C-alpha atoms as a PDB file:
ATOM      1  CA  UNK A   1      -3.453 -29.917 -65.617  1.00  0.00           C
ATOM      2  CA  UNK A   2      -3.259 -29.024 -69.306  1.00  0.00           C
ATOM      3  CA  UNK A   3      -3.785 -31.333 -71.921  1.00  0.00           C
ATOM      4  CA  UNK A   4      -1.908 -31.540 -75.223  1.00  0.00           C
ATOM      5  CA  UNK A   5      -4.782 -29.916 -76.752  1.00  0.00           C
ATOM      6  CA  UNK A   6      -4.348 -26.922 -74.540  1.00  0.00           C
ATOM      7  CA  UNK A   7      -0.676 -26.699 -75.244  1.00  0.00           C
ATOM      8  CA  UNK A   8      -0.869 -26.688 -79.032  1.00  0.00           C
ATOM      9  CA  UNK A   9       0.822 -23.670 -80.484  1.00  0.00           C
ATOM     10  CA  UNK A  10      -1.821 -21.388 -81.895  1.00  0.00           C
ATOM     11  CA  UNK A  11      -0.421 -21.636 -85.636  1.00  0.00           C
ATOM     12  CA  UNK A  12      -0.602 -25.447 -85.454  1.00  0.00           C
ATOM     13  CA  UNK A  13      -4.288 -25.637 -84.017  1.00  0.00           C
ATOM     14  CA  UNK A  14      -5.360 -23.107 -86.819  1.00  0.00           C
ATOM     15  CA  UNK A  15      -3.840 -25.439 -89.304  1.00  0.00           C
ATOM     16  CA  UNK A  16      -5.747 -28.389 -87.946  1.00  0.00           C
ATOM     17  CA  UNK A  17      -8.690 -26.431 -87.819  1.00  0.00           C
ATOM     18  CA  UNK A  18      -8.399 -25.368 -91.546  1.00  0.00           C
ATOM     19  CA  UNK A  19      -7.957 -28.955 -92.491  1.00  0.00           C
ATOM     20  CA  UNK A  20     -11.163 -29.831 -90.476  1.00  0.00           C
ATOM     21  CA  UNK A  21     -12.970 -27.065 -92.581  1.00  0.00           C
ATOM     22  CA  UNK A  22     -11.665 -28.603 -95.769  1.00  0.00           C
ATOM     23  CA  UNK A  23     -13.226 -32.041 -95.078  1.00  0.00           C
ATOM     24  CA  UNK A  24     -10.582 -33.936 -93.185  1.00  0.00           C
ATOM     25  CA  UNK A  25     -13.102 -34.302 -90.459  1.00  0.00           C
ATOM     26  CA  UNK A  26     -12.518 -37.799 -89.204  1.00  0.00           C
ATOM     27  CA  UNK A  27      -8.813 -37.531 -89.064  1.00  0.00           C
ATOM     28  CA  UNK A  28      -8.916 -34.195 -87.312  1.00  0.00           C
ATOM     29  CA  UNK A  29     -11.487 -35.229 -84.848  1.00  0.00           C
ATOM     30  CA  UNK A  30      -9.319 -38.436 -84.059  1.00  0.00           C
ATOM     31  CA  UNK A  31      -6.359 -36.246 -83.430  1.00  0.00           C
ATOM     32  CA  UNK A  32      -8.203 -33.711 -81.346  1.00  0.00           C
ATOM     33  CA  UNK A  33      -9.911 -36.254 -79.084  1.00  0.00           C
ATOM     34  CA  UNK A  34      -6.533 -37.882 -78.679  1.00  0.00           C
ATOM     35  CA  UNK A  35      -4.805 -34.570 -77.667  1.00  0.00           C
ATOM     36  CA  UNK A  36      -7.676 -33.574 -75.201  1.00  0.00           C
ATOM     37  CA  UNK A  37      -7.112 -37.009 -73.280  1.00  0.00           C
ATOM     38  CA  UNK A  38      -3.387 -36.846 -73.198  1.00  0.00           C
ATOM     39  CA  UNK A  39      -1.122 -34.539 -71.243  1.00  0.00           C
ATOM     40  CA  UNK A  40       2.257 -35.597 -72.154  1.00  0.00           C
ATOM     41  CA  UNK A  41       3.987 -35.623 -75.756  1.00  0.00           C
ATOM     42  CA  UNK A  42       5.420 -39.114 -74.771  1.00  0.00           C
ATOM     43  CA  UNK A  43       1.725 -40.648 -74.536  1.00  0.00           C
ATOM     44  CA  UNK A  44       1.479 -40.017 -78.270  1.00  0.00           C
ATOM     45  CA  UNK A  45       2.013 -42.860 -80.811  1.00  0.00           C
ATOM     46  CA  UNK A  46       4.358 -42.345 -83.725  1.00  0.00           C
ATOM     47  CA  UNK A  47       1.249 -42.572 -85.864  1.00  0.00           C
ATOM     48  CA  UNK A  48      -0.208 -39.557 -83.857  1.00  0.00           C
ATOM     49  CA  UNK A  49       2.780 -37.545 -84.439  1.00  0.00           C
ATOM     50  CA  UNK A  50       2.777 -38.456 -88.089  1.00  0.00           C
ATOM     51  CA  UNK A  51      -0.867 -37.276 -88.398  1.00  0.00           C
ATOM     52  CA  UNK A  52      -0.010 -33.969 -86.533  1.00  0.00           C
ATOM     53  CA  UNK A  53       2.758 -33.448 -88.969  1.00  0.00           C
ATOM     54  CA  UNK A  54       0.645 -34.356 -92.133  1.00  0.00           C
ATOM     55  CA  UNK A  55      -2.194 -32.026 -91.248  1.00  0.00           C
ATOM     56  CA  UNK A  56      -0.042 -29.046 -90.041  1.00  0.00           C
ATOM     57  CA  UNK A  57       1.936 -29.205 -93.154  1.00  0.00           C
ATOM     58  CA  UNK A  58       5.006 -29.417 -91.051  1.00  0.00           C
ATOM     59  CA  UNK A  59       8.163 -29.012 -93.311  1.00  0.00           C
ATOM     60  CA  UNK A  60      10.011 -31.947 -91.649  1.00  0.00           C
ATOM     61  CA  UNK A  61      13.304 -31.061 -93.319  1.00  0.00           C
ATOM     62  CA  UNK A  62      13.378 -28.134 -90.941  1.00  0.00           C
ATOM     63  CA  UNK A  63      12.249 -30.265 -87.757  1.00  0.00           C
ATOM     64  CA  UNK A  64      15.144 -31.222 -85.464  1.00  0.00           C
ATOM     65  CA  UNK A  65      15.663 -34.517 -83.925  1.00  0.00           C
ATOM     66  CA  UNK A  66      14.949 -32.522 -80.539  1.00  0.00           C
ATOM     67  CA  UNK A  67      11.668 -31.401 -81.914  1.00  0.00           C
ATOM     68  CA  UNK A  68      10.517 -34.833 -82.818  1.00  0.00           C
ATOM     69  CA  UNK A  69      11.617 -36.102 -79.525  1.00  0.00           C
ATOM     70  CA  UNK A  70       9.926 -33.727 -77.419  1.00  0.00           C
ATOM     71  CA  UNK A  71       7.165 -32.100 -79.600  1.00  0.00           C
ATOM     72  CA  UNK A  72       8.638 -28.543 -79.522  1.00  0.00           C
ATOM     73  CA  UNK A  73       7.501 -27.731 -83.114  1.00  0.00           C
ATOM     74  CA  UNK A  74       3.800 -28.683 -82.235  1.00  0.00           C
ATOM     75  CA  UNK A  75       3.285 -27.645 -78.529  1.00  0.00           C
ATOM     76  CA  UNK A  76       4.208 -24.882 -76.008  1.00  0.00           C
ATOM     77  CA  UNK A  77       5.754 -26.259 -72.962  1.00  0.00           C
END
């Protein structure tokens, strides 16, 4: 079964990796480890989703309620 890390959209993974290279090592390691151990979006905490949105520079004003409920703006299903 694919993990959430495997399901990350390529542009989202690239933004996280860029933030890692910029020095946000602890935060990005944390979220990558979390994504590698989960296979469903519903297993993430609100804080995990907030961290993902923060470090991917997601424009939340363009994010729909359905995106937030199901993670469609972050993951390929």
